[in-house]
Amino acid sequence: MTPRTPSAVPAAPALPGRPCSIAAALHVVGEKWALLAVRELFYGNHRFDRIARNTGAPRDRLTARLRALEEAGVVERRAYSERPPRYEYHLTEAGRDLAPLSQALLGWGDRWLMPEPPVGLEHDPQGHEPHPYDPAWVCRTCGGEGRRADLRIEVHSPGWTTEGPTAP
């Protein structure tokens, strides 16, 4: 993950409970239609009609989610027709950074919810044979796989511990 300067980071939304990047992320992409729209953009479907058809989202809800994703900097609209005005949706850098989340949800759903995976990811690196994609969570510092047993949580929010707030 590329570090960002404080001026490049938008103000975190005021949310109840523990200050948390997961809560802030879910505030933007935690609604089903938002994540399914992002899935369709990863699949290369950029036009509203295809996104609506492939997600099954009600058009008014999808419109609202795409607007919210645009306001959050996850997607951008690009004009493809002036008369009538028509737009395509494309992932921004922030949107493309959701790829590991999408892959994790895909893998979890394949393992725990689906009798057969409805889609698969193939890794097709240049100079190597294509093969089924089997991602791993890897530490960029040491190259080791990030297993839960090897991770430690450090709370940086003043007034909070892993158990909750320090003051009642």
N, C-alpha and C. Protein backbone atom coordinates (compact mmCIF):
# COMPACT_ATOMS: atom_id res chain seq x y z
N MET A 1 0.84 -1.16 0.00
CA MET A 1 0.00 0.00 0.00
C MET A 1 0.89 1.24 0.00
N THR A 2 0.60 2.15 -0.91
CA THR A 2 1.38 3.37 -1.01
C THR A 2 0.92 4.35 0.06
N PRO A 3 1.86 4.86 0.89
CA PRO A 3 1.45 5.83 1.90
C PRO A 3 0.94 7.09 1.23
N ARG A 4 -0.05 7.73 1.86
CA ARG A 4 -0.59 8.97 1.33
C ARG A 4 -0.27 10.09 2.29
N THR A 5 -0.12 11.27 1.74
CA THR A 5 0.13 12.43 2.58
C THR A 5 -1.19 12.83 3.24
N PRO A 6 -1.14 13.41 4.45
CA PRO A 6 -2.38 13.78 5.13
C PRO A 6 -3.29 14.66 4.29
N SER A 7 -2.76 15.53 3.44
CA SER A 7 -3.61 16.38 2.62
C SER A 7 -4.35 15.58 1.55
N ALA A 8 -3.85 14.40 1.18
CA ALA A 8 -4.49 13.58 0.15
C ALA A 8 -5.57 12.68 0.74
N VAL A 9 -5.67 12.60 2.04
CA VAL A 9 -6.64 11.73 2.69
C VAL A 9 -7.87 12.55 3.05
N PRO A 10 -9.06 12.13 2.58
CA PRO A 10 -10.25 12.88 2.94
C PRO A 10 -10.54 12.76 4.43
N ALA A 11 -11.31 13.68 4.95
CA ALA A 11 -11.69 13.62 6.36
C ALA A 11 -12.51 12.36 6.60
N ALA A 12 -12.20 11.66 7.68
CA ALA A 12 -12.94 10.45 8.02
C ALA A 12 -14.36 10.82 8.42
N PRO A 13 -15.34 10.01 8.02
CA PRO A 13 -16.71 10.31 8.43
C PRO A 13 -16.86 10.15 9.94
N ALA A 14 -17.71 10.96 10.53
CA ALA A 14 -17.99 10.84 11.97
C ALA A 14 -18.95 9.67 12.15
N LEU A 15 -18.44 8.57 12.65
CA LEU A 15 -19.23 7.36 12.82
C LEU A 15 -19.28 7.00 14.30
N PRO A 16 -20.36 6.37 14.74
CA PRO A 16 -20.42 5.96 16.14
C PRO A 16 -19.48 4.79 16.41
N GLY A 17 -19.12 4.62 17.66
CA GLY A 17 -18.28 3.49 18.05
C GLY A 17 -16.80 3.76 17.87
N ARG A 18 -16.04 2.69 17.83
CA ARG A 18 -14.59 2.73 17.77
C ARG A 18 -14.11 3.42 16.49
N PRO A 19 -13.14 4.34 16.60
CA PRO A 19 -12.51 4.85 15.38
C PRO A 19 -11.87 3.68 14.63
N CYS A 20 -12.25 3.52 13.37
CA CYS A 20 -11.86 2.28 12.71
C CYS A 20 -11.88 2.45 11.20
N SER A 21 -10.80 2.06 10.54
CA SER A 21 -10.73 2.12 9.08
C SER A 21 -11.72 1.17 8.43
N ILE A 22 -12.01 0.04 9.08
CA ILE A 22 -13.00 -0.90 8.52
C ILE A 22 -14.37 -0.23 8.50
N ALA A 23 -14.75 0.44 9.60
CA ALA A 23 -16.04 1.14 9.64
C ALA A 23 -16.10 2.23 8.59
N ALA A 24 -15.00 2.99 8.43
CA ALA A 24 -14.97 4.05 7.42
C ALA A 24 -15.10 3.47 6.02
N ALA A 25 -14.42 2.35 5.75
CA ALA A 25 -14.50 1.71 4.43
C ALA A 25 -15.91 1.18 4.19
N LEU A 26 -16.51 0.56 5.19
CA LEU A 26 -17.87 0.04 5.03
C LEU A 26 -18.87 1.16 4.83
N HIS A 27 -18.60 2.32 5.38
CA HIS A 27 -19.47 3.48 5.17
C HIS A 27 -19.54 3.82 3.68
N VAL A 28 -18.47 3.57 2.94
CA VAL A 28 -18.40 3.87 1.51
C VAL A 28 -18.83 2.67 0.67
N VAL A 29 -18.32 1.48 0.94
CA VAL A 29 -18.54 0.33 0.05
C VAL A 29 -19.27 -0.83 0.73
N GLY A 30 -19.80 -0.63 1.92
CA GLY A 30 -20.37 -1.74 2.66
C GLY A 30 -21.78 -2.13 2.29
N GLU A 31 -22.40 -1.44 1.39
CA GLU A 31 -23.74 -1.80 0.97
C GLU A 31 -23.63 -2.71 -0.25
N LYS A 32 -24.48 -3.73 -0.30
CA LYS A 32 -24.37 -4.77 -1.33
C LYS A 32 -24.32 -4.22 -2.74
N TRP A 33 -25.18 -3.26 -3.08
CA TRP A 33 -25.20 -2.77 -4.45
C TRP A 33 -23.92 -2.03 -4.80
N ALA A 34 -23.29 -1.40 -3.83
CA ALA A 34 -22.02 -0.71 -4.09
C ALA A 34 -20.94 -1.72 -4.47
N LEU A 35 -20.80 -2.78 -3.68
CA LEU A 35 -19.77 -3.79 -3.98
C LEU A 35 -20.07 -4.54 -5.26
N LEU A 36 -21.34 -4.79 -5.55
CA LEU A 36 -21.66 -5.48 -6.79
C LEU A 36 -21.40 -4.58 -8.00
N ALA A 37 -21.61 -3.27 -7.86
CA ALA A 37 -21.25 -2.35 -8.94
C ALA A 37 -19.74 -2.36 -9.17
N VAL A 38 -18.97 -2.37 -8.09
CA VAL A 38 -17.51 -2.44 -8.20
C VAL A 38 -17.11 -3.75 -8.88
N ARG A 39 -17.77 -4.85 -8.52
CA ARG A 39 -17.49 -6.14 -9.18
C ARG A 39 -17.67 -6.02 -10.69
N GLU A 40 -18.77 -5.41 -11.11
CA GLU A 40 -19.04 -5.28 -12.54
C GLU A 40 -17.99 -4.43 -13.23
N LEU A 41 -17.51 -3.39 -12.55
CA LEU A 41 -16.45 -2.57 -13.13
C LEU A 41 -15.17 -3.37 -13.27
N PHE A 42 -14.86 -4.22 -12.29
CA PHE A 42 -13.70 -5.12 -12.43
C PHE A 42 -13.88 -6.06 -13.61
N TYR A 43 -15.10 -6.49 -13.87
CA TYR A 43 -15.38 -7.39 -15.00
C TYR A 43 -15.34 -6.66 -16.34
N GLY A 44 -15.23 -5.34 -16.32
CA GLY A 44 -15.16 -4.58 -17.56
C GLY A 44 -16.49 -4.03 -18.04
N ASN A 45 -17.52 -4.10 -17.22
CA ASN A 45 -18.83 -3.55 -17.57
C ASN A 45 -18.91 -2.13 -17.03
N HIS A 46 -18.90 -1.15 -17.92
CA HIS A 46 -18.80 0.24 -17.50
C HIS A 46 -20.09 1.04 -17.70
N ARG A 47 -21.03 0.51 -18.44
CA ARG A 47 -22.26 1.25 -18.72
C ARG A 47 -23.35 0.87 -17.74
N PHE A 48 -24.15 1.89 -17.38
CA PHE A 48 -25.17 1.74 -16.35
C PHE A 48 -26.09 0.55 -16.63
N ASP A 49 -26.57 0.41 -17.86
CA ASP A 49 -27.52 -0.66 -18.16
C ASP A 49 -26.94 -2.04 -17.88
N ARG A 50 -25.67 -2.25 -18.23
CA ARG A 50 -25.03 -3.55 -17.97
C ARG A 50 -24.83 -3.76 -16.47
N ILE A 51 -24.42 -2.70 -15.78
CA ILE A 51 -24.23 -2.82 -14.33
C ILE A 51 -25.55 -3.16 -13.67
N ALA A 52 -26.62 -2.47 -14.08
CA ALA A 52 -27.95 -2.74 -13.50
C ALA A 52 -28.39 -4.17 -13.81
N ARG A 53 -28.25 -4.59 -15.06
CA ARG A 53 -28.66 -5.95 -15.44
C ARG A 53 -27.90 -7.01 -14.67
N ASN A 54 -26.58 -6.84 -14.56
CA ASN A 54 -25.73 -7.88 -13.99
C ASN A 54 -25.75 -7.92 -12.47
N THR A 55 -26.14 -6.82 -11.84
CA THR A 55 -26.24 -6.81 -10.38
C THR A 55 -27.64 -7.14 -9.91
N GLY A 56 -28.64 -6.84 -10.74
CA GLY A 56 -30.03 -7.00 -10.32
C GLY A 56 -30.49 -5.87 -9.42
N ALA A 57 -29.70 -4.82 -9.33
CA ALA A 57 -30.02 -3.69 -8.45
C ALA A 57 -31.17 -2.87 -9.02
N PRO A 58 -32.06 -2.40 -8.16
CA PRO A 58 -33.06 -1.43 -8.63
C PRO A 58 -32.34 -0.20 -9.16
N ARG A 59 -32.81 0.34 -10.26
CA ARG A 59 -32.12 1.42 -10.94
C ARG A 59 -31.92 2.64 -10.04
N ASP A 60 -32.92 2.98 -9.23
CA ASP A 60 -32.77 4.15 -8.36
C ASP A 60 -31.70 3.92 -7.30
N ARG A 61 -31.65 2.71 -6.76
CA ARG A 61 -30.62 2.39 -5.77
C ARG A 61 -29.23 2.39 -6.38
N LEU A 62 -29.12 1.79 -7.57
CA LEU A 62 -27.83 1.75 -8.25
C LEU A 62 -27.35 3.16 -8.57
N THR A 63 -28.24 4.01 -9.01
CA THR A 63 -27.88 5.40 -9.29
C THR A 63 -27.33 6.06 -8.03
N ALA A 64 -28.01 5.86 -6.91
CA ALA A 64 -27.56 6.45 -5.65
C ALA A 64 -26.20 5.89 -5.23
N ARG A 65 -25.99 4.59 -5.40
CA ARG A 65 -24.71 3.98 -5.00
C ARG A 65 -23.58 4.47 -5.89
N LEU A 66 -23.82 4.55 -7.18
CA LEU A 66 -22.78 5.02 -8.08
C LEU A 66 -22.43 6.47 -7.79
N ARG A 67 -23.43 7.29 -7.46
CA ARG A 67 -23.15 8.69 -7.09
C ARG A 67 -22.31 8.75 -5.82
N ALA A 68 -22.67 7.93 -4.83
CA ALA A 68 -21.91 7.91 -3.57
C ALA A 68 -20.48 7.43 -3.81
N LEU A 69 -20.31 6.41 -4.65
CA LEU A 69 -18.97 5.92 -4.97
C LEU A 69 -18.16 6.98 -5.72
N GLU A 70 -18.84 7.75 -6.55
CA GLU A 70 -18.16 8.84 -7.26
C GLU A 70 -17.74 9.93 -6.27
N GLU A 71 -18.63 10.30 -5.36
CA GLU A 71 -18.31 11.32 -4.35
C GLU A 71 -17.16 10.88 -3.46
N ALA A 72 -17.07 9.58 -3.20
CA ALA A 72 -16.02 9.05 -2.33
C ALA A 72 -14.71 8.85 -3.09
N GLY A 73 -14.71 9.06 -4.40
CA GLY A 73 -13.49 8.90 -5.18
C GLY A 73 -13.18 7.47 -5.57
N VAL A 74 -14.17 6.60 -5.53
CA VAL A 74 -13.97 5.19 -5.88
C VAL A 74 -14.20 4.96 -7.38
N VAL A 75 -15.15 5.68 -7.95
CA VAL A 75 -15.42 5.60 -9.38
C VAL A 75 -15.42 7.01 -9.97
N GLU A 76 -15.25 7.06 -11.28
CA GLU A 76 -15.38 8.32 -12.00
C GLU A 76 -16.26 8.09 -13.21
N ARG A 77 -17.03 9.13 -13.55
CA ARG A 77 -17.86 9.07 -14.75
C ARG A 77 -17.09 9.64 -15.91
N ARG A 78 -17.23 8.99 -17.07
CA ARG A 78 -16.61 9.48 -18.30
C ARG A 78 -17.68 9.53 -19.39
N ALA A 79 -17.78 10.67 -20.03
CA ALA A 79 -18.78 10.84 -21.09
C ALA A 79 -18.40 9.97 -22.30
N TYR A 80 -19.40 9.28 -22.86
CA TYR A 80 -19.16 8.56 -24.10
C TYR A 80 -20.13 9.01 -25.19
N SER A 81 -21.08 9.88 -24.84
CA SER A 81 -22.01 10.44 -25.81
C SER A 81 -22.43 11.83 -25.35
N GLU A 82 -22.46 12.76 -26.29
CA GLU A 82 -22.90 14.11 -25.94
C GLU A 82 -24.39 14.29 -26.19
N ARG A 83 -24.93 13.65 -27.23
CA ARG A 83 -26.35 13.78 -27.56
C ARG A 83 -26.94 12.40 -27.76
N PRO A 84 -27.65 11.88 -26.81
CA PRO A 84 -27.90 12.45 -25.49
C PRO A 84 -26.67 12.25 -24.60
N PRO A 85 -26.58 13.04 -23.52
CA PRO A 85 -25.43 12.86 -22.62
C PRO A 85 -25.48 11.48 -21.96
N ARG A 86 -24.42 10.71 -22.13
CA ARG A 86 -24.31 9.37 -21.54
C ARG A 86 -22.92 9.21 -20.95
N TYR A 87 -22.87 8.42 -19.88
CA TYR A 87 -21.61 8.26 -19.17
C TYR A 87 -21.31 6.79 -18.92
N GLU A 88 -20.04 6.50 -18.84
CA GLU A 88 -19.55 5.20 -18.37
C GLU A 88 -18.94 5.43 -16.99
N TYR A 89 -18.85 4.35 -16.24
CA TYR A 89 -18.23 4.40 -14.91
C TYR A 89 -16.93 3.61 -14.95
N HIS A 90 -15.90 4.18 -14.36
CA HIS A 90 -14.59 3.53 -14.31
C HIS A 90 -14.04 3.63 -12.89
N LEU A 91 -13.30 2.62 -12.49
CA LEU A 91 -12.67 2.64 -11.17
C LEU A 91 -11.50 3.63 -11.17
N THR A 92 -11.38 4.35 -10.09
CA THR A 92 -10.22 5.19 -9.86
C THR A 92 -9.13 4.33 -9.22
N GLU A 93 -8.02 4.94 -8.87
CA GLU A 93 -6.98 4.20 -8.15
C GLU A 93 -7.55 3.63 -6.85
N ALA A 94 -8.34 4.44 -6.15
CA ALA A 94 -8.96 3.96 -4.90
C ALA A 94 -9.88 2.78 -5.18
N GLY A 95 -10.62 2.82 -6.28
CA GLY A 95 -11.50 1.71 -6.63
C GLY A 95 -10.72 0.46 -7.00
N ARG A 96 -9.65 0.64 -7.76
CA ARG A 96 -8.82 -0.52 -8.14
C ARG A 96 -8.17 -1.16 -6.92
N ASP A 97 -7.92 -0.36 -5.89
CA ASP A 97 -7.35 -0.90 -4.65
C ASP A 97 -8.33 -1.80 -3.90
N LEU A 98 -9.58 -1.86 -4.35
CA LEU A 98 -10.55 -2.79 -3.74
C LEU A 98 -10.41 -4.21 -4.28
N ALA A 99 -9.51 -4.44 -5.22
CA ALA A 99 -9.34 -5.78 -5.81
C ALA A 99 -9.10 -6.86 -4.75
N PRO A 100 -8.20 -6.65 -3.77
CA PRO A 100 -8.01 -7.72 -2.78
C PRO A 100 -9.28 -8.02 -1.97
N LEU A 101 -10.07 -6.98 -1.69
CA LEU A 101 -11.34 -7.20 -0.97
C LEU A 101 -12.28 -8.05 -1.82
N SER A 102 -12.39 -7.70 -3.10
CA SER A 102 -13.25 -8.47 -3.99
C SER A 102 -12.78 -9.91 -4.10
N GLN A 103 -11.47 -10.10 -4.21
CA GLN A 103 -10.91 -11.45 -4.31
C GLN A 103 -11.16 -12.23 -3.02
N ALA A 104 -11.04 -11.57 -1.88
CA ALA A 104 -11.28 -12.25 -0.60
C ALA A 104 -12.74 -12.66 -0.49
N LEU A 105 -13.67 -11.79 -0.86
CA LEU A 105 -15.09 -12.14 -0.81
C LEU A 105 -15.41 -13.26 -1.79
N LEU A 106 -14.81 -13.23 -2.97
CA LEU A 106 -15.01 -14.28 -3.96
C LEU A 106 -14.53 -15.63 -3.40
N GLY A 107 -13.32 -15.64 -2.85
CA GLY A 107 -12.78 -16.88 -2.30
C GLY A 107 -13.58 -17.41 -1.12
N TRP A 108 -14.02 -16.50 -0.25
CA TRP A 108 -14.81 -16.91 0.92
C TRP A 108 -16.16 -17.47 0.46
N GLY A 109 -16.79 -16.78 -0.49
CA GLY A 109 -18.07 -17.27 -1.01
C GLY A 109 -17.94 -18.61 -1.69
N ASP A 110 -16.86 -18.78 -2.46
CA ASP A 110 -16.62 -20.07 -3.12
C ASP A 110 -16.46 -21.18 -2.09
N ARG A 111 -15.72 -20.89 -1.03
CA ARG A 111 -15.42 -21.92 -0.03
C ARG A 111 -16.61 -22.24 0.86
N TRP A 112 -17.36 -21.22 1.28
CA TRP A 112 -18.36 -21.43 2.33
C TRP A 112 -19.82 -21.36 1.85
N LEU A 113 -20.08 -20.86 0.65
CA LEU A 113 -21.47 -20.63 0.27
C LEU A 113 -21.91 -21.30 -1.02
N MET A 114 -21.01 -21.53 -1.95
CA MET A 114 -21.40 -22.01 -3.27
C MET A 114 -21.01 -23.48 -3.44
N PRO A 115 -21.92 -24.29 -4.00
CA PRO A 115 -21.55 -25.69 -4.25
C PRO A 115 -20.45 -25.80 -5.31
N GLU A 116 -20.48 -24.93 -6.30
CA GLU A 116 -19.45 -24.85 -7.34
C GLU A 116 -19.15 -23.38 -7.58
N PRO A 117 -17.89 -22.99 -7.71
CA PRO A 117 -17.58 -21.58 -7.99
C PRO A 117 -18.18 -21.15 -9.33
N PRO A 118 -18.98 -20.06 -9.34
CA PRO A 118 -19.58 -19.61 -10.59
C PRO A 118 -18.59 -18.92 -11.53
N VAL A 119 -17.50 -18.39 -11.00
CA VAL A 119 -16.43 -17.79 -11.81
C VAL A 119 -15.10 -18.18 -11.19
N GLY A 120 -14.05 -18.03 -11.95
CA GLY A 120 -12.72 -18.29 -11.42
C GLY A 120 -11.77 -17.21 -11.89
N LEU A 121 -10.70 -17.04 -11.16
CA LEU A 121 -9.66 -16.11 -11.56
C LEU A 121 -8.47 -16.90 -12.07
N GLU A 122 -7.92 -16.46 -13.17
CA GLU A 122 -6.75 -17.11 -13.74
C GLU A 122 -5.59 -16.14 -13.72
N HIS A 123 -4.44 -16.61 -13.27
CA HIS A 123 -3.23 -15.80 -13.27
C HIS A 123 -2.51 -16.08 -14.58
N ASP A 124 -2.28 -15.04 -15.36
CA ASP A 124 -1.69 -15.20 -16.69
C ASP A 124 -0.45 -14.31 -16.79
N PRO A 125 0.61 -14.64 -16.02
CA PRO A 125 1.81 -13.79 -16.06
C PRO A 125 2.58 -13.98 -17.35
N GLN A 126 3.20 -12.89 -17.81
CA GLN A 126 3.99 -12.99 -19.04
C GLN A 126 5.14 -13.96 -18.84
N GLY A 127 5.33 -14.83 -19.80
CA GLY A 127 6.43 -15.78 -19.76
C GLY A 127 6.15 -17.04 -18.96
N HIS A 128 4.94 -17.19 -18.44
CA HIS A 128 4.58 -18.38 -17.66
C HIS A 128 3.23 -18.90 -18.14
N GLU A 129 2.97 -20.13 -17.83
CA GLU A 129 1.70 -20.74 -18.18
C GLU A 129 0.58 -20.15 -17.31
N PRO A 130 -0.57 -19.87 -17.91
CA PRO A 130 -1.72 -19.45 -17.09
C PRO A 130 -2.10 -20.55 -16.12
N HIS A 131 -2.55 -20.17 -14.94
CA HIS A 131 -2.93 -21.14 -13.92
C HIS A 131 -3.98 -20.51 -13.02
N PRO A 132 -4.75 -21.34 -12.29
CA PRO A 132 -5.74 -20.78 -11.37
C PRO A 132 -5.06 -19.85 -10.36
N TYR A 133 -5.68 -18.73 -10.11
CA TYR A 133 -5.13 -17.73 -9.19
C TYR A 133 -5.41 -18.14 -7.76
N ASP A 134 -4.37 -18.23 -6.96
CA ASP A 134 -4.48 -18.59 -5.55
C ASP A 134 -3.75 -17.53 -4.73
N PRO A 135 -4.45 -16.41 -4.44
CA PRO A 135 -3.77 -15.29 -3.77
C PRO A 135 -3.45 -15.60 -2.31
N ALA A 136 -2.45 -14.92 -1.80
CA ALA A 136 -2.07 -15.02 -0.39
C ALA A 136 -1.85 -13.61 0.14
N TRP A 137 -2.07 -13.44 1.40
CA TRP A 137 -1.81 -12.17 2.07
C TRP A 137 -0.35 -12.20 2.50
N VAL A 138 0.47 -11.32 1.92
CA VAL A 138 1.91 -11.36 2.14
C VAL A 138 2.40 -10.02 2.66
N CYS A 139 3.31 -10.08 3.63
CA CYS A 139 3.93 -8.88 4.19
C CYS A 139 4.93 -8.32 3.19
N ARG A 140 4.79 -7.03 2.87
CA ARG A 140 5.71 -6.41 1.91
C ARG A 140 7.09 -6.21 2.51
N THR A 141 7.21 -6.18 3.84
CA THR A 141 8.51 -5.96 4.47
C THR A 141 9.36 -7.22 4.46
N CYS A 142 8.78 -8.35 4.90
CA CYS A 142 9.58 -9.57 5.03
C CYS A 142 9.23 -10.64 4.01
N GLY A 143 8.11 -10.50 3.31
CA GLY A 143 7.71 -11.50 2.32
C GLY A 143 6.98 -12.69 2.91
N GLY A 144 6.79 -12.70 4.24
CA GLY A 144 6.09 -13.82 4.88
C GLY A 144 4.59 -13.73 4.71
N GLU A 145 3.94 -14.89 4.71
CA GLU A 145 2.48 -14.91 4.61
C GLU A 145 1.88 -14.39 5.91
N GLY A 146 0.84 -13.56 5.79
CA GLY A 146 0.20 -12.95 6.95
C GLY A 146 -0.81 -13.86 7.60
N ARG A 147 -0.36 -14.73 8.46
CA ARG A 147 -1.27 -15.62 9.19
C ARG A 147 -1.76 -14.92 10.45
N ARG A 148 -3.01 -15.15 10.82
CA ARG A 148 -3.61 -14.48 11.98
C ARG A 148 -2.77 -14.69 13.24
N ALA A 149 -2.22 -15.86 13.42
CA ALA A 149 -1.43 -16.15 14.62
C ALA A 149 -0.17 -15.29 14.71
N ASP A 150 0.29 -14.76 13.58
CA ASP A 150 1.52 -13.96 13.56
C ASP A 150 1.25 -12.46 13.62
N LEU A 151 -0.01 -12.06 13.70
CA LEU A 151 -0.34 -10.63 13.68
C LEU A 151 -0.70 -10.15 15.08
N ARG A 152 -0.33 -8.91 15.35
CA ARG A 152 -0.63 -8.27 16.64
C ARG A 152 -1.35 -6.96 16.35
N ILE A 153 -2.40 -6.68 17.08
CA ILE A 153 -3.16 -5.45 16.90
C ILE A 153 -2.58 -4.36 17.79
N GLU A 154 -2.28 -3.22 17.19
CA GLU A 154 -1.83 -2.05 17.93
C GLU A 154 -2.88 -0.96 17.76
N VAL A 155 -3.48 -0.52 18.85
CA VAL A 155 -4.51 0.51 18.80
C VAL A 155 -3.84 1.88 18.87
N HIS A 156 -4.12 2.73 17.88
CA HIS A 156 -3.51 4.06 17.82
C HIS A 156 -4.50 5.17 18.17
N SER A 157 -5.76 4.85 18.37
CA SER A 157 -6.77 5.86 18.69
C SER A 157 -6.72 6.18 20.17
N PRO A 158 -6.51 7.46 20.52
CA PRO A 158 -6.48 7.85 21.93
C PRO A 158 -7.79 7.48 22.62
N GLY A 159 -7.68 6.95 23.82
CA GLY A 159 -8.85 6.60 24.61
C GLY A 159 -9.45 5.25 24.28
N TRP A 160 -8.75 4.44 23.48
CA TRP A 160 -9.27 3.13 23.10
C TRP A 160 -8.22 2.05 23.29
N THR A 161 -8.67 0.84 23.65
CA THR A 161 -7.83 -0.35 23.68
C THR A 161 -8.55 -1.38 22.79
N THR A 162 -7.98 -2.56 22.65
CA THR A 162 -8.66 -3.60 21.86
C THR A 162 -9.99 -4.00 22.49
N GLU A 163 -10.12 -3.80 23.81
CA GLU A 163 -11.36 -4.16 24.50
C GLU A 163 -12.44 -3.09 24.39
N GLY A 164 -12.06 -1.85 24.04
CA GLY A 164 -13.05 -0.78 23.93
C GLY A 164 -12.50 0.51 24.49
N PRO A 165 -13.42 1.47 24.77
CA PRO A 165 -12.96 2.76 25.29
C PRO A 165 -12.38 2.62 26.70
N THR A 166 -11.37 3.47 26.97
CA THR A 166 -10.73 3.41 28.29
C THR A 166 -11.53 4.20 29.31
N ALA A 167 -12.33 5.16 28.87
CA ALA A 167 -13.18 5.94 29.79
C ALA A 167 -14.63 5.52 29.55
N PRO A 168 -15.42 5.43 30.62
CA PRO A 168 -16.83 5.01 30.46
C PRO A 168 -17.65 6.00 29.68
